[in-house]
Amino acid sequence: MRGRLSAVGHCCRCAESLSTVDAARAADGCLDFALTADLLDPGRIIVCERWASDEQLLAFRDCGPGDEQTVAIRDASVHKYRISAVEAP
């Protein structure tokens, strides 16, 4: 997911998202969940997620962001990538 946040900026928004990251990482099927701030664009965050199954991803998605987080999102672009293999570099 790629998202743009309100003018409040990403630093405080990332801090406010700690509970979301904790919840995701504790959720069944979560292999990885990270939310990072763009160093050059103060209104952009990047969310990277890996899930064991589509069903577990959708179960977590049903929880969704809270109202405060939803208000801060100006737009979002979400894409699912299917990776067939992971190898050492």
N, C-alpha and C. Protein backbone atom coordinates (compact mmCIF):
# COMPACT_ATOMS: atom_id res chain seq x y z
N MET A 1 0.84 -1.17 0.00
CA MET A 1 0.00 0.00 0.00
C MET A 1 0.88 1.23 0.00
N ARG A 2 0.49 2.18 -0.78
CA ARG A 2 1.17 3.46 -0.78
C ARG A 2 0.11 4.48 -0.39
N GLY A 3 0.42 5.37 0.53
CA GLY A 3 -0.58 6.33 0.95
C GLY A 3 -0.03 7.72 1.17
N ARG A 4 -0.90 8.70 1.08
CA ARG A 4 -0.54 10.08 1.39
C ARG A 4 -1.36 10.51 2.59
N LEU A 5 -0.68 11.15 3.53
CA LEU A 5 -1.35 11.58 4.75
C LEU A 5 -1.64 13.07 4.72
N SER A 6 -2.44 13.50 5.68
CA SER A 6 -2.79 14.92 5.78
C SER A 6 -1.56 15.75 6.09
N ALA A 7 -1.71 17.05 6.05
CA ALA A 7 -0.60 17.97 6.27
C ALA A 7 0.00 17.87 7.66
N VAL A 8 -0.64 17.14 8.55
CA VAL A 8 -0.09 16.96 9.89
C VAL A 8 1.29 16.32 9.80
N GLY A 9 1.54 15.56 8.77
CA GLY A 9 2.85 14.96 8.54
C GLY A 9 2.92 13.52 9.00
N HIS A 10 3.94 12.82 8.50
CA HIS A 10 4.01 11.39 8.76
C HIS A 10 4.63 11.04 10.09
N CYS A 11 5.44 11.89 10.68
CA CYS A 11 6.13 11.50 11.92
C CYS A 11 5.15 11.15 13.03
N CYS A 12 4.21 12.03 13.29
CA CYS A 12 3.25 11.72 14.35
C CYS A 12 2.28 10.64 13.89
N ARG A 13 1.94 10.57 12.62
CA ARG A 13 1.03 9.54 12.14
C ARG A 13 1.66 8.16 12.29
N CYS A 14 2.95 8.04 12.02
CA CYS A 14 3.60 6.75 12.18
C CYS A 14 3.58 6.34 13.66
N ALA A 15 3.81 7.30 14.55
CA ALA A 15 3.76 7.01 15.98
C ALA A 15 2.36 6.57 16.39
N GLU A 16 1.34 7.21 15.84
CA GLU A 16 -0.04 6.85 16.16
C GLU A 16 -0.40 5.47 15.62
N SER A 17 0.35 4.99 14.65
CA SER A 17 0.04 3.71 14.02
C SER A 17 0.71 2.52 14.71
N LEU A 18 1.41 2.76 15.81
CA LEU A 18 2.07 1.66 16.51
C LEU A 18 1.08 0.56 16.91
N SER A 19 -0.11 0.94 17.33
CA SER A 19 -1.09 -0.07 17.73
C SER A 19 -1.53 -0.91 16.53
N THR A 20 -1.60 -0.28 15.35
CA THR A 20 -1.97 -1.02 14.14
C THR A 20 -0.89 -2.03 13.79
N VAL A 21 0.38 -1.61 13.87
CA VAL A 21 1.49 -2.50 13.57
C VAL A 21 1.51 -3.66 14.57
N ASP A 22 1.35 -3.35 15.85
CA ASP A 22 1.31 -4.40 16.88
C ASP A 22 0.18 -5.39 16.61
N ALA A 23 -1.01 -4.87 16.30
CA ALA A 23 -2.16 -5.75 16.04
C ALA A 23 -1.93 -6.63 14.82
N ALA A 24 -1.36 -6.04 13.77
CA ALA A 24 -1.10 -6.82 12.55
C ALA A 24 -0.11 -7.93 12.82
N ARG A 25 0.99 -7.59 13.48
CA ARG A 25 2.02 -8.60 13.74
C ARG A 25 1.54 -9.71 14.66
N ALA A 26 0.55 -9.41 15.50
CA ALA A 26 -0.01 -10.42 16.40
C ALA A 26 -1.12 -11.24 15.74
N ALA A 27 -1.60 -10.78 14.59
CA ALA A 27 -2.72 -11.44 13.92
C ALA A 27 -2.29 -12.78 13.32
N ASP A 28 -3.22 -13.72 13.31
CA ASP A 28 -2.96 -15.02 12.69
C ASP A 28 -2.60 -14.83 11.22
N GLY A 29 -1.50 -15.44 10.81
CA GLY A 29 -1.11 -15.42 9.41
C GLY A 29 -0.22 -14.26 9.00
N CYS A 30 0.03 -13.31 9.89
CA CYS A 30 0.90 -12.18 9.52
C CYS A 30 2.35 -12.65 9.53
N LEU A 31 3.01 -12.55 8.39
CA LEU A 31 4.42 -12.91 8.27
C LEU A 31 5.30 -11.69 8.45
N ASP A 32 4.79 -10.51 8.08
CA ASP A 32 5.53 -9.26 8.23
C ASP A 32 4.57 -8.10 8.03
N PHE A 33 4.79 -7.02 8.76
CA PHE A 33 3.98 -5.81 8.61
C PHE A 33 4.86 -4.65 9.01
N ALA A 34 5.05 -3.70 8.10
CA ALA A 34 5.87 -2.53 8.38
C ALA A 34 5.22 -1.28 7.82
N LEU A 35 5.32 -0.21 8.56
CA LEU A 35 4.82 1.09 8.14
C LEU A 35 6.00 2.04 8.24
N THR A 36 6.38 2.66 7.13
CA THR A 36 7.55 3.53 7.13
C THR A 36 7.23 4.89 6.55
N ALA A 37 7.98 5.88 6.99
CA ALA A 37 7.83 7.24 6.51
C ALA A 37 8.77 7.47 5.34
N ASP A 38 8.31 8.19 4.34
CA ASP A 38 9.15 8.59 3.21
C ASP A 38 10.06 9.72 3.70
N LEU A 39 11.36 9.57 3.53
CA LEU A 39 12.30 10.57 4.02
C LEU A 39 12.24 11.88 3.26
N LEU A 40 11.78 11.86 2.01
CA LEU A 40 11.75 13.08 1.21
C LEU A 40 10.38 13.72 1.10
N ASP A 41 9.33 12.95 1.28
CA ASP A 41 7.96 13.45 1.14
C ASP A 41 7.26 13.33 2.49
N PRO A 42 7.06 14.45 3.19
CA PRO A 42 6.49 14.39 4.54
C PRO A 42 5.05 13.92 4.60
N GLY A 43 4.38 13.80 3.46
CA GLY A 43 3.00 13.36 3.45
C GLY A 43 2.81 11.94 2.96
N ARG A 44 3.90 11.19 2.81
CA ARG A 44 3.80 9.85 2.22
C ARG A 44 4.29 8.79 3.20
N ILE A 45 3.52 7.72 3.30
CA ILE A 45 3.95 6.55 4.05
C ILE A 45 3.88 5.34 3.14
N ILE A 46 4.60 4.31 3.51
CA ILE A 46 4.57 3.06 2.76
C ILE A 46 4.25 1.94 3.75
N VAL A 47 3.29 1.12 3.40
CA VAL A 47 2.92 -0.04 4.22
C VAL A 47 3.27 -1.28 3.41
N CYS A 48 4.03 -2.16 4.01
CA CYS A 48 4.40 -3.41 3.36
C CYS A 48 3.92 -4.55 4.25
N GLU A 49 3.16 -5.47 3.67
CA GLU A 49 2.59 -6.57 4.44
C GLU A 49 2.84 -7.90 3.73
N ARG A 50 3.05 -8.95 4.52
CA ARG A 50 3.12 -10.32 4.00
C ARG A 50 2.21 -11.18 4.86
N TRP A 51 1.35 -11.94 4.21
CA TRP A 51 0.38 -12.79 4.91
C TRP A 51 0.48 -14.22 4.40
N ALA A 52 0.18 -15.16 5.27
CA ALA A 52 0.23 -16.58 4.90
C ALA A 52 -0.88 -16.95 3.92
N SER A 53 -2.02 -16.26 4.00
CA SER A 53 -3.13 -16.57 3.09
C SER A 53 -3.99 -15.33 2.86
N ASP A 54 -4.73 -15.35 1.76
CA ASP A 54 -5.67 -14.26 1.46
C ASP A 54 -6.74 -14.15 2.55
N GLU A 55 -7.18 -15.29 3.07
CA GLU A 55 -8.22 -15.29 4.10
C GLU A 55 -7.74 -14.56 5.36
N GLN A 56 -6.49 -14.80 5.75
CA GLN A 56 -5.96 -14.14 6.94
C GLN A 56 -5.75 -12.64 6.70
N LEU A 57 -5.33 -12.28 5.50
CA LEU A 57 -5.22 -10.87 5.14
C LEU A 57 -6.58 -10.19 5.24
N LEU A 58 -7.60 -10.80 4.64
CA LEU A 58 -8.94 -10.22 4.65
C LEU A 58 -9.52 -10.14 6.06
N ALA A 59 -9.23 -11.11 6.90
CA ALA A 59 -9.70 -11.06 8.29
C ALA A 59 -9.12 -9.86 9.01
N PHE A 60 -7.84 -9.58 8.76
CA PHE A 60 -7.22 -8.40 9.38
C PHE A 60 -7.78 -7.12 8.76
N ARG A 61 -7.97 -7.10 7.45
CA ARG A 61 -8.51 -5.93 6.76
C ARG A 61 -9.88 -5.55 7.30
N ASP A 62 -10.68 -6.53 7.69
CA ASP A 62 -12.01 -6.24 8.22
C ASP A 62 -11.94 -5.36 9.46
N CYS A 63 -10.82 -5.40 10.18
CA CYS A 63 -10.65 -4.54 11.35
C CYS A 63 -10.49 -3.09 10.92
N GLY A 64 -9.75 -2.84 9.84
CA GLY A 64 -9.59 -1.51 9.25
C GLY A 64 -8.97 -0.48 10.17
N PRO A 65 -8.57 0.67 9.60
CA PRO A 65 -8.01 1.75 10.42
C PRO A 65 -9.11 2.42 11.23
N GLY A 66 -8.71 3.05 12.34
CA GLY A 66 -9.66 3.79 13.16
C GLY A 66 -10.07 5.08 12.46
N ASP A 67 -11.09 5.73 13.00
CA ASP A 67 -11.60 6.97 12.41
C ASP A 67 -10.53 8.05 12.30
N GLU A 68 -9.67 8.19 13.33
CA GLU A 68 -8.63 9.22 13.29
C GLU A 68 -7.65 8.96 12.16
N GLN A 69 -7.29 7.70 11.95
CA GLN A 69 -6.37 7.38 10.87
C GLN A 69 -7.03 7.57 9.51
N THR A 70 -8.29 7.20 9.39
CA THR A 70 -9.00 7.33 8.12
C THR A 70 -9.09 8.79 7.70
N VAL A 71 -9.34 9.69 8.63
CA VAL A 71 -9.44 11.13 8.34
C VAL A 71 -8.11 11.66 7.81
N ALA A 72 -6.99 11.12 8.28
CA ALA A 72 -5.67 11.62 7.89
C ALA A 72 -5.26 11.18 6.50
N ILE A 73 -5.88 10.15 5.94
CA ILE A 73 -5.48 9.62 4.64
C ILE A 73 -6.14 10.43 3.52
N ARG A 74 -5.31 11.10 2.71
CA ARG A 74 -5.84 11.88 1.58
C ARG A 74 -6.14 10.99 0.40
N ASP A 75 -5.27 10.05 0.12
CA ASP A 75 -5.52 9.07 -0.93
C ASP A 75 -4.63 7.86 -0.67
N ALA A 76 -4.98 6.77 -1.28
CA ALA A 76 -4.19 5.56 -1.10
C ALA A 76 -4.25 4.74 -2.38
N SER A 77 -3.17 4.06 -2.64
CA SER A 77 -3.09 3.16 -3.77
C SER A 77 -2.67 1.80 -3.22
N VAL A 78 -3.50 0.81 -3.42
CA VAL A 78 -3.25 -0.51 -2.86
C VAL A 78 -3.08 -1.52 -3.99
N HIS A 79 -2.01 -2.28 -3.92
CA HIS A 79 -1.76 -3.33 -4.90
C HIS A 79 -1.32 -4.59 -4.18
N LYS A 80 -1.80 -5.72 -4.65
CA LYS A 80 -1.39 -7.01 -4.10
C LYS A 80 -0.40 -7.62 -5.09
N TYR A 81 0.74 -8.06 -4.56
CA TYR A 81 1.75 -8.70 -5.38
C TYR A 81 1.83 -10.17 -5.00
N ARG A 82 1.85 -11.03 -5.98
CA ARG A 82 2.00 -12.47 -5.76
C ARG A 82 3.45 -12.83 -6.07
N ILE A 83 4.15 -13.31 -5.07
CA ILE A 83 5.56 -13.67 -5.22
C ILE A 83 5.66 -15.18 -5.17
N SER A 84 6.23 -15.75 -6.21
CA SER A 84 6.26 -17.21 -6.31
C SER A 84 7.44 -17.84 -5.57
N ALA A 85 8.50 -17.06 -5.31
CA ALA A 85 9.66 -17.63 -4.63
C ALA A 85 10.46 -16.52 -3.96
N VAL A 86 11.18 -16.90 -2.93
CA VAL A 86 12.10 -15.98 -2.25
C VAL A 86 13.45 -16.67 -2.22
N GLU A 87 14.50 -15.96 -2.65
CA GLU A 87 15.83 -16.54 -2.72
C GLU A 87 16.83 -15.62 -2.04
N ALA A 88 17.95 -16.18 -1.62
CA ALA A 88 19.04 -15.37 -1.08
C ALA A 88 19.66 -14.57 -2.22
N PRO A 89 20.18 -13.39 -1.93
CA PRO A 89 20.78 -12.57 -3.01
C PRO A 89 22.04 -13.21 -3.58
